[in-house]
Amino acid sequence: MDSLRRQLDWPVEGVLLDVEHNGFWYEGWGERPSAGTAALATARRYLAQVPVLVPVYAHRYLPAGRGSFGHPVLSMWQTDIIYYGLDLADYMHQEFDEARGEVDESWNPQAAVSFWRDLL
């Protein structure tokens, strides 16, 4: 159970790490507090309200909840977030299909969940 909790916490903890050590600040949170501890507390409060991301494999995630059907799979490493598949089926091919070849030029995933889509 601890392993699952760590995986569920990974995206938020990664953002908090960047807030604390790399100067990251999301403009939707307003002005960054000058004190580091206050900035971290503010970020933590806002992050408690963002959509939960569910681990798929390693640091690949999908959003949980209503409105997330068909959402692209996201690769999360702190605030460095990229698309890793149009949806779960496409992700499985991207990650595990050795014969996948080149990515189609029309490949254009679109995230729909608030906050996380803004970090892409």
PDB file of N, CA and C in Angstrom:
ATOM      1  N   MET A   1       0.821  -1.189   0.000  1.00  0.00           N
ATOM      2  CA  MET A   1       0.000   0.000   0.000  1.00  0.00           C
ATOM      3  C   MET A   1       0.872   1.263   0.000  1.00  0.00           C
ATOM      4  N   ASP A   2       2.003   1.226   0.689  1.00  0.00           N
ATOM      5  CA  ASP A   2       2.902   2.386   0.706  1.00  0.00           C
ATOM      6  C   ASP A   2       3.419   2.699  -0.694  1.00  0.00           C
ATOM      7  N   SER A   3       3.678   1.661  -1.478  1.00  0.00           N
ATOM      8  CA  SER A   3       4.160   1.851  -2.839  1.00  0.00           C
ATOM      9  C   SER A   3       3.108   2.561  -3.690  1.00  0.00           C
ATOM     10  N   LEU A   4       1.865   2.158  -3.558  1.00  0.00           N
ATOM     11  CA  LEU A   4       0.785   2.811  -4.304  1.00  0.00           C
ATOM     12  C   LEU A   4       0.634   4.263  -3.868  1.00  0.00           C
ATOM     13  N   ARG A   5       0.705   4.538  -2.580  1.00  0.00           N
ATOM     14  CA  ARG A   5       0.599   5.916  -2.083  1.00  0.00           C
ATOM     15  C   ARG A   5       1.717   6.771  -2.650  1.00  0.00           C
ATOM     16  N   ARG A   6       2.947   6.235  -2.690  1.00  0.00           N
ATOM     17  CA  ARG A   6       4.086   6.981  -3.256  1.00  0.00           C
ATOM     18  C   ARG A   6       3.852   7.283  -4.738  1.00  0.00           C
ATOM     19  N   GLN A   7       3.323   6.312  -5.472  1.00  0.00           N
ATOM     20  CA  GLN A   7       3.058   6.523  -6.895  1.00  0.00           C
ATOM     21  C   GLN A   7       1.960   7.572  -7.105  1.00  0.00           C
ATOM     22  N   LEU A   8       0.926   7.539  -6.274  1.00  0.00           N
ATOM     23  CA  LEU A   8      -0.160   8.517  -6.387  1.00  0.00           C
ATOM     24  C   LEU A   8       0.319   9.924  -6.030  1.00  0.00           C
ATOM     25  N   ASP A   9       1.245  10.008  -5.080  1.00  0.00           N
ATOM     26  CA  ASP A   9       1.775  11.303  -4.638  1.00  0.00           C
ATOM     27  C   ASP A   9       2.854  11.865  -5.562  1.00  0.00           C
ATOM     28  N   TRP A  10       3.454  11.016  -6.399  1.00  0.00           N
ATOM     29  CA  TRP A  10       4.607  11.386  -7.225  1.00  0.00           C
ATOM     30  C   TRP A  10       4.408  12.678  -8.014  1.00  0.00           C
ATOM     31  N   PRO A  11       3.305  12.865  -8.773  1.00  0.00           N
ATOM     32  CA  PRO A  11       3.181  14.103  -9.561  1.00  0.00           C
ATOM     33  C   PRO A  11       3.174  15.369  -8.704  1.00  0.00           C
ATOM     34  N   VAL A  12       2.417  15.366  -7.627  1.00  0.00           N
ATOM     35  CA  VAL A  12       2.340  16.548  -6.757  1.00  0.00           C
ATOM     36  C   VAL A  12       3.674  16.770  -6.051  1.00  0.00           C
ATOM     37  N   GLU A  13       4.281  15.719  -5.561  1.00  0.00           N
ATOM     38  CA  GLU A  13       5.575  15.853  -4.883  1.00  0.00           C
ATOM     39  C   GLU A  13       6.638  16.390  -5.842  1.00  0.00           C
ATOM     40  N   GLY A  14       6.564  16.001  -7.121  1.00  0.00           N
ATOM     41  CA  GLY A  14       7.503  16.521  -8.111  1.00  0.00           C
ATOM     42  C   GLY A  14       7.341  18.013  -8.320  1.00  0.00           C
ATOM     43  N   VAL A  15       6.099  18.481  -8.356  1.00  0.00           N
ATOM     44  CA  VAL A  15       5.851  19.919  -8.498  1.00  0.00           C
ATOM     45  C   VAL A  15       6.377  20.647  -7.268  1.00  0.00           C
ATOM     46  N   LEU A  16       6.100  20.096  -6.089  1.00  0.00           N
ATOM     47  CA  LEU A  16       6.570  20.728  -4.853  1.00  0.00           C
ATOM     48  C   LEU A  16       8.099  20.786  -4.805  1.00  0.00           C
ATOM     49  N   LEU A  17       8.752  19.757  -5.310  1.00  0.00           N
ATOM     50  CA  LEU A  17      10.218  19.760  -5.365  1.00  0.00           C
ATOM     51  C   LEU A  17      10.710  20.913  -6.244  1.00  0.00           C
ATOM     52  N   ASP A  18      10.050  21.128  -7.375  1.00  0.00           N
ATOM     53  CA  ASP A  18      10.449  22.237  -8.249  1.00  0.00           C
ATOM     54  C   ASP A  18      10.121  23.597  -7.638  1.00  0.00           C
ATOM     55  N   VAL A  19       9.042  23.679  -6.882  1.00  0.00           N
ATOM     56  CA  VAL A  19       8.727  24.930  -6.184  1.00  0.00           C
ATOM     57  C   VAL A  19       9.817  25.236  -5.168  1.00  0.00           C
ATOM     58  N   GLU A  20      10.215  24.222  -4.422  1.00  0.00           N
ATOM     59  CA  GLU A  20      11.182  24.417  -3.338  1.00  0.00           C
ATOM     60  C   GLU A  20      12.614  24.638  -3.838  1.00  0.00           C
ATOM     61  N   HIS A  21      13.006  23.897  -4.858  1.00  0.00           N
ATOM     62  CA  HIS A  21      14.424  23.918  -5.247  1.00  0.00           C
ATOM     63  C   HIS A  21      14.733  24.549  -6.599  1.00  0.00           C
ATOM     64  N   ASN A  22      13.723  24.713  -7.437  1.00  0.00           N
ATOM     65  CA  ASN A  22      14.002  25.179  -8.800  1.00  0.00           C
ATOM     66  C   ASN A  22      13.244  26.446  -9.193  1.00  0.00           C
ATOM     67  N   GLY A  23      12.631  27.100  -8.220  1.00  0.00           N
ATOM     68  CA  GLY A  23      11.971  28.370  -8.487  1.00  0.00           C
ATOM     69  C   GLY A  23      10.676  28.279  -9.270  1.00  0.00           C
ATOM     70  N   PHE A  24      10.133  27.062  -9.443  1.00  0.00           N
ATOM     71  CA  PHE A  24       8.882  26.942 -10.195  1.00  0.00           C
ATOM     72  C   PHE A  24       7.746  27.625  -9.437  1.00  0.00           C
ATOM     73  N   TRP A  25       6.899  28.327 -10.207  1.00  0.00           N
ATOM     74  CA  TRP A  25       5.685  28.915  -9.644  1.00  0.00           C
ATOM     75  C   TRP A  25       4.638  28.976 -10.738  1.00  0.00           C
ATOM     76  N   TYR A  26       3.468  28.438 -10.482  1.00  0.00           N
ATOM     77  CA  TYR A  26       2.361  28.427 -11.433  1.00  0.00           C
ATOM     78  C   TYR A  26       1.635  29.763 -11.350  1.00  0.00           C
ATOM     79  N   GLU A  27       1.483  30.435 -12.471  1.00  0.00           N
ATOM     80  CA  GLU A  27       0.896  31.783 -12.459  1.00  0.00           C
ATOM     81  C   GLU A  27      -0.529  31.806 -11.915  1.00  0.00           C
ATOM     82  N   GLY A  28      -1.244  30.708 -12.018  1.00  0.00           N
ATOM     83  CA  GLY A  28      -2.610  30.638 -11.508  1.00  0.00           C
ATOM     84  C   GLY A  28      -2.693  30.679  -9.984  1.00  0.00           C
ATOM     85  N   TRP A  29      -1.562  30.578  -9.309  1.00  0.00           N
ATOM     86  CA  TRP A  29      -1.532  30.625  -7.849  1.00  0.00           C
ATOM     87  C   TRP A  29      -1.366  32.045  -7.326  1.00  0.00           C
ATOM     88  N   GLY A  30      -1.253  33.004  -8.211  1.00  0.00           N
ATOM     89  CA  GLY A  30      -1.043  34.382  -7.778  1.00  0.00           C
ATOM     90  C   GLY A  30       0.431  34.671  -7.574  1.00  0.00           C
ATOM     91  N   GLU A  31       0.705  35.720  -6.830  1.00  0.00           N
ATOM     92  CA  GLU A  31       2.094  36.125  -6.590  1.00  0.00           C
ATOM     93  C   GLU A  31       2.775  35.138  -5.642  1.00  0.00           C
ATOM     94  N   ARG A  32       4.003  34.774  -5.989  1.00  0.00           N
ATOM     95  CA  ARG A  32       4.758  33.837  -5.156  1.00  0.00           C
ATOM     96  C   ARG A  32       5.163  34.515  -3.859  1.00  0.00           C
ATOM     97  N   PRO A  33       4.881  33.887  -2.709  1.00  0.00           N
ATOM     98  CA  PRO A  33       5.353  34.437  -1.431  1.00  0.00           C
ATOM     99  C   PRO A  33       6.882  34.491  -1.410  1.00  0.00           C
ATOM    100  N   SER A  34       7.418  35.489  -0.773  1.00  0.00           N
ATOM    101  CA  SER A  34       8.876  35.647  -0.757  1.00  0.00           C
ATOM    102  C   SER A  34       9.568  34.598   0.111  1.00  0.00           C
ATOM    103  N   ALA A  35       8.917  34.156   1.178  1.00  0.00           N
ATOM    104  CA  ALA A  35       9.502  33.121   2.037  1.00  0.00           C
ATOM    105  C   ALA A  35       9.287  31.743   1.410  1.00  0.00           C
ATOM    106  N   GLY A  36      10.350  30.972   1.361  1.00  0.00           N
ATOM    107  CA  GLY A  36      10.273  29.639   0.762  1.00  0.00           C
ATOM    108  C   GLY A  36       9.251  28.727   1.412  1.00  0.00           C
ATOM    109  N   THR A  37       9.171  28.758   2.735  1.00  0.00           N
ATOM    110  CA  THR A  37       8.203  27.898   3.425  1.00  0.00           C
ATOM    111  C   THR A  37       6.770  28.310   3.119  1.00  0.00           C
ATOM    112  N   ALA A  38       6.532  29.616   2.985  1.00  0.00           N
ATOM    113  CA  ALA A  38       5.191  30.103   2.636  1.00  0.00           C
ATOM    114  C   ALA A  38       4.842  29.726   1.196  1.00  0.00           C
ATOM    115  N   ALA A  39       5.814  29.814   0.294  1.00  0.00           N
ATOM    116  CA  ALA A  39       5.579  29.426  -1.101  1.00  0.00           C
ATOM    117  C   ALA A  39       5.224  27.944  -1.178  1.00  0.00           C
ATOM    118  N   LEU A  40       5.959  27.134  -0.451  1.00  0.00           N
ATOM    119  CA  LEU A  40       5.699  25.694  -0.439  1.00  0.00           C
ATOM    120  C   LEU A  40       4.324  25.387   0.148  1.00  0.00           C
ATOM    121  N   ALA A  41       3.957  26.058   1.210  1.00  0.00           N
ATOM    122  CA  ALA A  41       2.644  25.846   1.835  1.00  0.00           C
ATOM    123  C   ALA A  41       1.523  26.283   0.890  1.00  0.00           C
ATOM    124  N   THR A  42       1.712  27.401   0.211  1.00  0.00           N
ATOM    125  CA  THR A  42       0.711  27.879  -0.747  1.00  0.00           C
ATOM    126  C   THR A  42       0.563  26.891  -1.898  1.00  0.00           C
ATOM    127  N   ALA A  43       1.682  26.452  -2.448  1.00  0.00           N
ATOM    128  CA  ALA A  43       1.652  25.482  -3.545  1.00  0.00           C
ATOM    129  C   ALA A  43       0.964  24.195  -3.100  1.00  0.00           C
ATOM    130  N   ARG A  44       1.287  23.719  -1.929  1.00  0.00           N
ATOM    131  CA  ARG A  44       0.681  22.490  -1.399  1.00  0.00           C
ATOM    132  C   ARG A  44      -0.840  22.647  -1.282  1.00  0.00           C
ATOM    133  N   ARG A  45      -1.288  23.810  -0.846  1.00  0.00           N
ATOM    134  CA  ARG A  45      -2.725  24.063  -0.698  1.00  0.00           C
ATOM    135  C   ARG A  45      -3.419  24.026  -2.065  1.00  0.00           C
ATOM    136  N   TYR A  46      -2.834  24.667  -3.065  1.00  0.00           N
ATOM    137  CA  TYR A  46      -3.418  24.645  -4.407  1.00  0.00           C
ATOM    138  C   TYR A  46      -3.354  23.252  -5.027  1.00  0.00           C
ATOM    139  N   LEU A  47      -2.248  22.564  -4.829  1.00  0.00           N
ATOM    140  CA  LEU A  47      -2.089  21.236  -5.417  1.00  0.00           C
ATOM    141  C   LEU A  47      -3.056  20.204  -4.827  1.00  0.00           C
ATOM    142  N   ALA A  48      -3.545  20.456  -3.628  1.00  0.00           N
ATOM    143  CA  ALA A  48      -4.532  19.551  -3.028  1.00  0.00           C
ATOM    144  C   ALA A  48      -5.848  19.580  -3.805  1.00  0.00           C
ATOM    145  N   GLN A  49      -6.021  20.579  -4.668  1.00  0.00           N
ATOM    146  CA  GLN A  49      -7.262  20.739  -5.421  1.00  0.00           C
ATOM    147  C   GLN A  49      -7.154  20.328  -6.890  1.00  0.00           C
ATOM    148  N   VAL A  50      -5.965  19.981  -7.365  1.00  0.00           N
ATOM    149  CA  VAL A  50      -5.812  19.625  -8.784  1.00  0.00           C
ATOM    150  C   VAL A  50      -6.293  18.197  -9.015  1.00  0.00           C
ATOM    151  N   PRO A  51      -6.659  17.859 -10.258  1.00  0.00           N
ATOM    152  CA  PRO A  51      -7.094  16.497 -10.548  1.00  0.00           C
ATOM    153  C   PRO A  51      -6.019  15.470 -10.177  1.00  0.00           C
ATOM    154  N   VAL A  52      -6.470  14.388  -9.609  1.00  0.00           N
ATOM    155  CA  VAL A  52      -5.567  13.296  -9.221  1.00  0.00           C
ATOM    156  C   VAL A  52      -5.110  12.567 -10.478  1.00  0.00           C
ATOM    157  N   LEU A  53      -3.844  12.221 -10.506  1.00  0.00           N
ATOM    158  CA  LEU A  53      -3.299  11.427 -11.600  1.00  0.00           C
ATOM    159  C   LEU A  53      -3.062  10.003 -11.110  1.00  0.00           C
ATOM    160  N   VAL A  54      -3.407   9.052 -11.962  1.00  0.00           N
ATOM    161  CA  VAL A  54      -3.296   7.631 -11.624  1.00  0.00           C
ATOM    162  C   VAL A  54      -2.090   7.047 -12.341  1.00  0.00           C
ATOM    163  N   PRO A  55      -1.235   6.331 -11.616  1.00  0.00           N
ATOM    164  CA  PRO A  55      -0.068   5.741 -12.265  1.00  0.00           C
ATOM    165  C   PRO A  55      -0.471   4.645 -13.245  1.00  0.00           C
ATOM    166  N   VAL A  56       0.168   4.673 -14.421  1.00  0.00           N
ATOM    167  CA  VAL A  56      -0.050   3.642 -15.431  1.00  0.00           C
ATOM    168  C   VAL A  56       1.143   2.690 -15.427  1.00  0.00           C
ATOM    169  N   TYR A  57       2.336   3.266 -15.521  1.00  0.00           N
ATOM    170  CA  TYR A  57       3.570   2.484 -15.540  1.00  0.00           C
ATOM    171  C   TYR A  57       4.717   3.453 -15.315  1.00  0.00           C
ATOM    172  N   ALA A  58       5.581   3.114 -14.373  1.00  0.00           N
ATOM    173  CA  ALA A  58       6.722   3.977 -14.049  1.00  0.00           C
ATOM    174  C   ALA A  58       6.234   5.402 -13.782  1.00  0.00           C
ATOM    175  N   HIS A  59       6.711   6.399 -14.511  1.00  0.00           N
ATOM    176  CA  HIS A  59       6.265   7.778 -14.296  1.00  0.00           C
ATOM    177  C   HIS A  59       5.321   8.245 -15.406  1.00  0.00           C
ATOM    178  N   ARG A  60       4.486   7.324 -15.879  1.00  0.00           N
ATOM    179  CA  ARG A  60       3.434   7.618 -16.855  1.00  0.00           C
ATOM    180  C   ARG A  60       2.102   7.646 -16.108  1.00  0.00           C
ATOM    181  N   TYR A  61       1.272   8.652 -16.408  1.00  0.00           N
ATOM    182  CA  TYR A  61       0.042   8.874 -15.644  1.00  0.00           C
ATOM    183  C   TYR A  61      -1.136   9.243 -16.531  1.00  0.00           C
ATOM    184  N   LEU A  62      -2.322   8.932 -16.019  1.00  0.00           N
ATOM    185  CA  LEU A  62      -3.588   9.367 -16.588  1.00  0.00           C
ATOM    186  C   LEU A  62      -4.396  10.051 -15.494  1.00  0.00           C
ATOM    187  N   PRO A  63      -5.198  11.057 -15.842  1.00  0.00           N
ATOM    188  CA  PRO A  63      -6.043  11.684 -14.824  1.00  0.00           C
ATOM    189  C   PRO A  63      -7.191  10.758 -14.429  1.00  0.00           C
ATOM    190  N   ALA A  64      -7.588  10.862 -13.187  1.00  0.00           N
ATOM    191  CA  ALA A  64      -8.725  10.094 -12.683  1.00  0.00           C
ATOM    192  C   ALA A  64      -9.985  10.932 -12.783  1.00  0.00           C
ATOM    193  N   GLY A  65     -11.125  10.275 -12.817  1.00  0.00           N
ATOM    194  CA  GLY A  65     -12.390  10.972 -12.671  1.00  0.00           C
ATOM    195  C   GLY A  65     -13.108  11.313 -13.951  1.00  0.00           C
ATOM    196  N   ARG A  66     -14.232  11.937 -13.770  1.00  0.00           N
ATOM    197  CA  ARG A  66     -15.124  12.331 -14.862  1.00  0.00           C
ATOM    198  C   ARG A  66     -14.416  13.267 -15.834  1.00  0.00           C
ATOM    199  N   GLY A  67     -14.669  13.043 -17.119  1.00  0.00           N
ATOM    200  CA  GLY A  67     -14.090  13.895 -18.149  1.00  0.00           C
ATOM    201  C   GLY A  67     -12.691  13.496 -18.553  1.00  0.00           C
ATOM    202  N   SER A  68     -12.190  12.371 -18.048  1.00  0.00           N
ATOM    203  CA  SER A  68     -10.822  11.982 -18.370  1.00  0.00           C
ATOM    204  C   SER A  68     -10.762  10.836 -19.381  1.00  0.00           C
ATOM    205  N   PHE A  69     -11.911  10.349 -19.846  1.00  0.00           N
ATOM    206  CA  PHE A  69     -11.934   9.271 -20.824  1.00  0.00           C
ATOM    207  C   PHE A  69     -11.210   9.705 -22.096  1.00  0.00           C
ATOM    208  N   GLY A  70     -10.322   8.869 -22.581  1.00  0.00           N
ATOM    209  CA  GLY A  70      -9.596   9.174 -23.805  1.00  0.00           C
ATOM    210  C   GLY A  70      -8.506  10.211 -23.648  1.00  0.00           C
ATOM    211  N   HIS A  71      -8.170  10.539 -22.421  1.00  0.00           N
ATOM    212  CA  HIS A  71      -7.132  11.543 -22.157  1.00  0.00           C
ATOM    213  C   HIS A  71      -5.762  10.991 -22.536  1.00  0.00           C
ATOM    214  N   PRO A  72      -4.867  11.828 -23.027  1.00  0.00           N
ATOM    215  CA  PRO A  72      -3.514  11.361 -23.329  1.00  0.00           C
ATOM    216  C   PRO A  72      -2.783  10.908 -22.061  1.00  0.00           C
ATOM    217  N   VAL A  73      -1.902   9.942 -22.242  1.00  0.00           N
ATOM    218  CA  VAL A  73      -1.026   9.506 -21.157  1.00  0.00           C
ATOM    219  C   VAL A  73       0.096  10.534 -21.039  1.00  0.00           C
ATOM    220  N   LEU A  74       0.389  10.930 -19.818  1.00  0.00           N
ATOM    221  CA  LEU A  74       1.420  11.927 -19.560  1.00  0.00           C
ATOM    222  C   LEU A  74       2.640  11.268 -18.926  1.00  0.00           C
ATOM    223  N   SER A  75       3.806  11.687 -19.351  1.00  0.00           N
ATOM    224  CA  SER A  75       5.052  11.278 -18.718  1.00  0.00           C
ATOM    225  C   SER A  75       5.448  12.414 -17.792  1.00  0.00           C
ATOM    226  N   MET A  76       5.581  12.105 -16.504  1.00  0.00           N
ATOM    227  CA  MET A  76       5.775  13.122 -15.473  1.00  0.00           C
ATOM    228  C   MET A  76       7.165  12.997 -14.847  1.00  0.00           C
ATOM    229  N   TRP A  77       7.891  14.079 -14.854  1.00  0.00           N
ATOM    230  CA  TRP A  77       9.139  14.145 -14.098  1.00  0.00           C
ATOM    231  C   TRP A  77       9.208  15.559 -13.536  1.00  0.00           C
ATOM    232  N   GLN A  78       8.731  15.704 -12.302  1.00  0.00           N
ATOM    233  CA  GLN A  78       8.569  17.013 -11.683  1.00  0.00           C
ATOM    234  C   GLN A  78       7.665  17.872 -12.571  1.00  0.00           C
ATOM    235  N   THR A  79       8.098  19.062 -12.983  1.00  0.00           N
ATOM    236  CA  THR A  79       7.242  19.879 -13.846  1.00  0.00           C
ATOM    237  C   THR A  79       7.601  19.705 -15.321  1.00  0.00           C
ATOM    238  N   ASP A  80       8.446  18.748 -15.614  1.00  0.00           N
ATOM    239  CA  ASP A  80       8.757  18.389 -17.000  1.00  0.00           C
ATOM    240  C   ASP A  80       7.754  17.308 -17.398  1.00  0.00           C
ATOM    241  N   ILE A  81       6.712  17.728 -18.108  1.00  0.00           N
ATOM    242  CA  ILE A  81       5.611  16.831 -18.446  1.00  0.00           C
ATOM    243  C   ILE A  81       5.439  16.833 -19.956  1.00  0.00           C
ATOM    244  N   ILE A  82       5.368  15.617 -20.526  1.00  0.00           N
ATOM    245  CA  ILE A  82       5.173  15.483 -21.965  1.00  0.00           C
ATOM    246  C   ILE A  82       4.080  14.456 -22.236  1.00  0.00           C
ATOM    247  N   TYR A  83       3.541  14.511 -23.446  1.00  0.00           N
ATOM    248  CA  TYR A  83       2.603  13.484 -23.886  1.00  0.00           C
ATOM    249  C   TYR A  83       3.376  12.209 -24.181  1.00  0.00           C
ATOM    250  N   TYR A  84       2.767  11.065 -23.827  1.00  0.00           N
ATOM    251  CA  TYR A  84       3.406   9.799 -24.138  1.00  0.00           C
ATOM    252  C   TYR A  84       2.458   8.847 -24.838  1.00  0.00           C
ATOM    253  N   GLY A  85       1.279   9.331 -25.187  1.00  0.00           N
ATOM    254  CA  GLY A  85       0.324   8.539 -25.944  1.00  0.00           C
ATOM    255  C   GLY A  85      -0.978   9.297 -26.069  1.00  0.00           C
ATOM    256  N   LEU A  86      -1.665   9.110 -27.188  1.00  0.00           N
ATOM    257  CA  LEU A  86      -2.955   9.781 -27.401  1.00  0.00           C
ATOM    258  C   LEU A  86      -3.979   9.357 -26.359  1.00  0.00           C
ATOM    259  N   ASP A  87      -3.921   8.100 -25.974  1.00  0.00           N
ATOM    260  CA  ASP A  87      -4.801   7.514 -24.969  1.00  0.00           C
ATOM    261  C   ASP A  87      -4.080   6.268 -24.463  1.00  0.00           C
ATOM    262  N   LEU A  88      -4.731   5.473 -23.645  1.00  0.00           N
ATOM    263  CA  LEU A  88      -4.058   4.315 -23.053  1.00  0.00           C
ATOM    264  C   LEU A  88      -3.614   3.315 -24.114  1.00  0.00           C
ATOM    265  N   ALA A  89      -4.458   3.036 -25.110  1.00  0.00           N
ATOM    266  CA  ALA A  89      -4.096   2.080 -26.159  1.00  0.00           C
ATOM    267  C   ALA A  89      -2.882   2.571 -26.947  1.00  0.00           C
ATOM    268  N   ASP A  90      -2.881   3.831 -27.342  1.00  0.00           N
ATOM    269  CA  ASP A  90      -1.755   4.389 -28.077  1.00  0.00           C
ATOM    270  C   ASP A  90      -0.491   4.375 -27.218  1.00  0.00           C
ATOM    271  N   TYR A  91      -0.639   4.693 -25.944  1.00  0.00           N
ATOM    272  CA  TYR A  91       0.514   4.666 -25.044  1.00  0.00           C
ATOM    273  C   TYR A  91       1.148   3.277 -25.012  1.00  0.00           C
ATOM    274  N   MET A  92       0.310   2.235 -24.934  1.00  0.00           N
ATOM    275  CA  MET A  92       0.838   0.864 -24.875  1.00  0.00           C
ATOM    276  C   MET A  92       1.698   0.584 -26.106  1.00  0.00           C
ATOM    277  N   HIS A  93       1.267   1.056 -27.260  1.00  0.00           N
ATOM    278  CA  HIS A  93       2.074   0.881 -28.476  1.00  0.00           C
ATOM    279  C   HIS A  93       3.345   1.713 -28.414  1.00  0.00           C
ATOM    280  N   GLN A  94       3.245   2.951 -27.945  1.00  0.00           N
ATOM    281  CA  GLN A  94       4.418   3.826 -27.858  1.00  0.00           C
ATOM    282  C   GLN A  94       5.477   3.246 -26.915  1.00  0.00           C
ATOM    283  N   GLU A  95       5.022   2.723 -25.792  1.00  0.00           N
ATOM    284  CA  GLU A  95       5.942   2.260 -24.749  1.00  0.00           C
ATOM    285  C   GLU A  95       6.475   0.849 -25.004  1.00  0.00           C
ATOM    286  N   PHE A  96       5.623  -0.044 -25.506  1.00  0.00           N
ATOM    287  CA  PHE A  96       5.980  -1.464 -25.494  1.00  0.00           C
ATOM    288  C   PHE A  96       6.056  -2.136 -26.860  1.00  0.00           C
ATOM    289  N   ASP A  97       5.583  -1.517 -27.930  1.00  0.00           N
ATOM    290  CA  ASP A  97       5.573  -2.138 -29.249  1.00  0.00           C
ATOM    291  C   ASP A  97       6.898  -1.871 -29.933  1.00  0.00           C
ATOM    292  N   GLU A  98       7.737  -2.894 -30.000  1.00  0.00           N
ATOM    293  CA  GLU A  98       9.057  -2.721 -30.596  1.00  0.00           C
ATOM    294  C   GLU A  98       8.996  -2.424 -32.088  1.00  0.00           C
ATOM    295  N   ALA A  99       7.904  -2.785 -32.746  1.00  0.00           N
ATOM    296  CA  ALA A  99       7.789  -2.591 -34.193  1.00  0.00           C
ATOM    297  C   ALA A  99       6.955  -1.350 -34.532  1.00  0.00           C
ATOM    298  N   ARG A 100       6.907  -0.388 -33.620  1.00  0.00           N
ATOM    299  CA  ARG A 100       6.011   0.755 -33.822  1.00  0.00           C
ATOM    300  C   ARG A 100       6.463   1.704 -34.930  1.00  0.00           C
ATOM    301  N   GLY A 101       7.734   1.782 -35.224  1.00  0.00           N
ATOM    302  CA  GLY A 101       8.207   2.653 -36.303  1.00  0.00           C
ATOM    303  C   GLY A 101       8.126   4.123 -35.933  1.00  0.00           C
ATOM    304  N   GLU A 102       8.063   4.966 -36.936  1.00  0.00           N
ATOM    305  CA  GLU A 102       8.009   6.413 -36.735  1.00  0.00           C
ATOM    306  C   GLU A 102       6.632   6.851 -36.250  1.00  0.00           C
ATOM    307  N   VAL A 103       6.616   7.938 -35.506  1.00  0.00           N
ATOM    308  CA  VAL A 103       5.351   8.499 -35.035  1.00  0.00           C
ATOM    309  C   VAL A 103       4.699   9.247 -36.189  1.00  0.00           C
ATOM    310  N   ASP A 104       3.426   9.023 -36.395  1.00  0.00           N
ATOM    311  CA  ASP A 104       2.645   9.682 -37.440  1.00  0.00           C
ATOM    312  C   ASP A 104       2.675  11.197 -37.210  1.00  0.00           C
ATOM    313  N   GLU A 105       2.875  11.970 -38.264  1.00  0.00           N
ATOM    314  CA  GLU A 105       2.951  13.428 -38.143  1.00  0.00           C
ATOM    315  C   GLU A 105       1.641  14.048 -37.671  1.00  0.00           C
ATOM    316  N   SER A 106       0.539  13.336 -37.840  1.00  0.00           N
ATOM    317  CA  SER A 106      -0.757  13.861 -37.395  1.00  0.00           C
ATOM    318  C   SER A 106      -0.984  13.622 -35.904  1.00  0.00           C
ATOM    319  N   TRP A 107      -0.013  13.009 -35.239  1.00  0.00           N
ATOM    320  CA  TRP A 107      -0.115  12.706 -33.811  1.00  0.00           C
ATOM    321  C   TRP A 107      -0.186  14.020 -33.044  1.00  0.00           C
ATOM    322  N   ASN A 108      -1.333  14.280 -32.439  1.00  0.00           N
ATOM    323  CA  ASN A 108      -1.536  15.575 -31.785  1.00  0.00           C
ATOM    324  C   ASN A 108      -2.399  15.400 -30.539  1.00  0.00           C
ATOM    325  N   PRO A 109      -1.837  14.849 -29.471  1.00  0.00           N
ATOM    326  CA  PRO A 109      -2.632  14.668 -28.249  1.00  0.00           C
ATOM    327  C   PRO A 109      -3.037  16.005 -27.646  1.00  0.00           C
ATOM    328  N   GLN A 110      -4.166  16.011 -26.963  1.00  0.00           N
ATOM    329  CA  GLN A 110      -4.669  17.225 -26.328  1.00  0.00           C
ATOM    330  C   GLN A 110      -5.140  16.903 -24.910  1.00  0.00           C
ATOM    331  N   ALA A 111      -4.444  17.400 -23.930  1.00  0.00           N
ATOM    332  CA  ALA A 111      -4.841  17.207 -22.537  1.00  0.00           C
ATOM    333  C   ALA A 111      -6.053  18.074 -22.228  1.00  0.00           C
ATOM    334  N   ALA A 112      -6.928  17.551 -21.381  1.00  0.00           N
ATOM    335  CA  ALA A 112      -8.151  18.280 -21.051  1.00  0.00           C
ATOM    336  C   ALA A 112      -8.257  18.632 -19.573  1.00  0.00           C
ATOM    337  N   VAL A 113      -7.454  18.014 -18.724  1.00  0.00           N
ATOM    338  CA  VAL A 113      -7.607  18.262 -17.290  1.00  0.00           C
ATOM    339  C   VAL A 113      -6.872  19.525 -16.876  1.00  0.00           C
ATOM    340  N   SER A 114      -7.528  20.272 -16.008  1.00  0.00           N
ATOM    341  CA  SER A 114      -6.951  21.542 -15.557  1.00  0.00           C
ATOM    342  C   SER A 114      -5.627  21.323 -14.844  1.00  0.00           C
ATOM    343  N   PHE A 115      -4.874  22.348 -14.745  1.00  0.00           N
ATOM    344  CA  PHE A 115      -3.548  22.448 -14.154  1.00  0.00           C
ATOM    345  C   PHE A 115      -2.515  21.626 -14.928  1.00  0.00           C
ATOM    346  N   TRP A 116      -2.666  20.313 -14.991  1.00  0.00           N
ATOM    347  CA  TRP A 116      -1.652  19.474 -15.631  1.00  0.00           C
ATOM    348  C   TRP A 116      -1.484  19.827 -17.103  1.00  0.00           C
ATOM    349  N   ARG A 117      -2.575  20.152 -17.796  1.00  0.00           N
ATOM    350  CA  ARG A 117      -2.454  20.520 -19.223  1.00  0.00           C
ATOM    351  C   ARG A 117      -1.650  21.810 -19.381  1.00  0.00           C
ATOM    352  N   ASP A 118      -1.696  22.657 -18.374  1.00  0.00           N
ATOM    353  CA  ASP A 118      -0.975  23.932 -18.458  1.00  0.00           C
ATOM    354  C   ASP A 118       0.532  23.752 -18.313  1.00  0.00           C
ATOM    355  N   LEU A 119       0.958  22.627 -17.782  1.00  0.00           N
ATOM    356  CA  LEU A 119       2.395  22.376 -17.614  1.00  0.00           C
ATOM    357  C   LEU A 119       3.013  21.699 -18.839  1.00  0.00           C
ATOM    358  N   LEU A 120       2.177  21.297 -19.774  1.00  0.00           N
ATOM    359  CA  LEU A 120       2.704  20.632 -20.974  1.00  0.00           C
ATOM    360  C   LEU A 120       3.406  21.610 -21.887  1.00  0.00           C
TER     361      LEU A 120
END
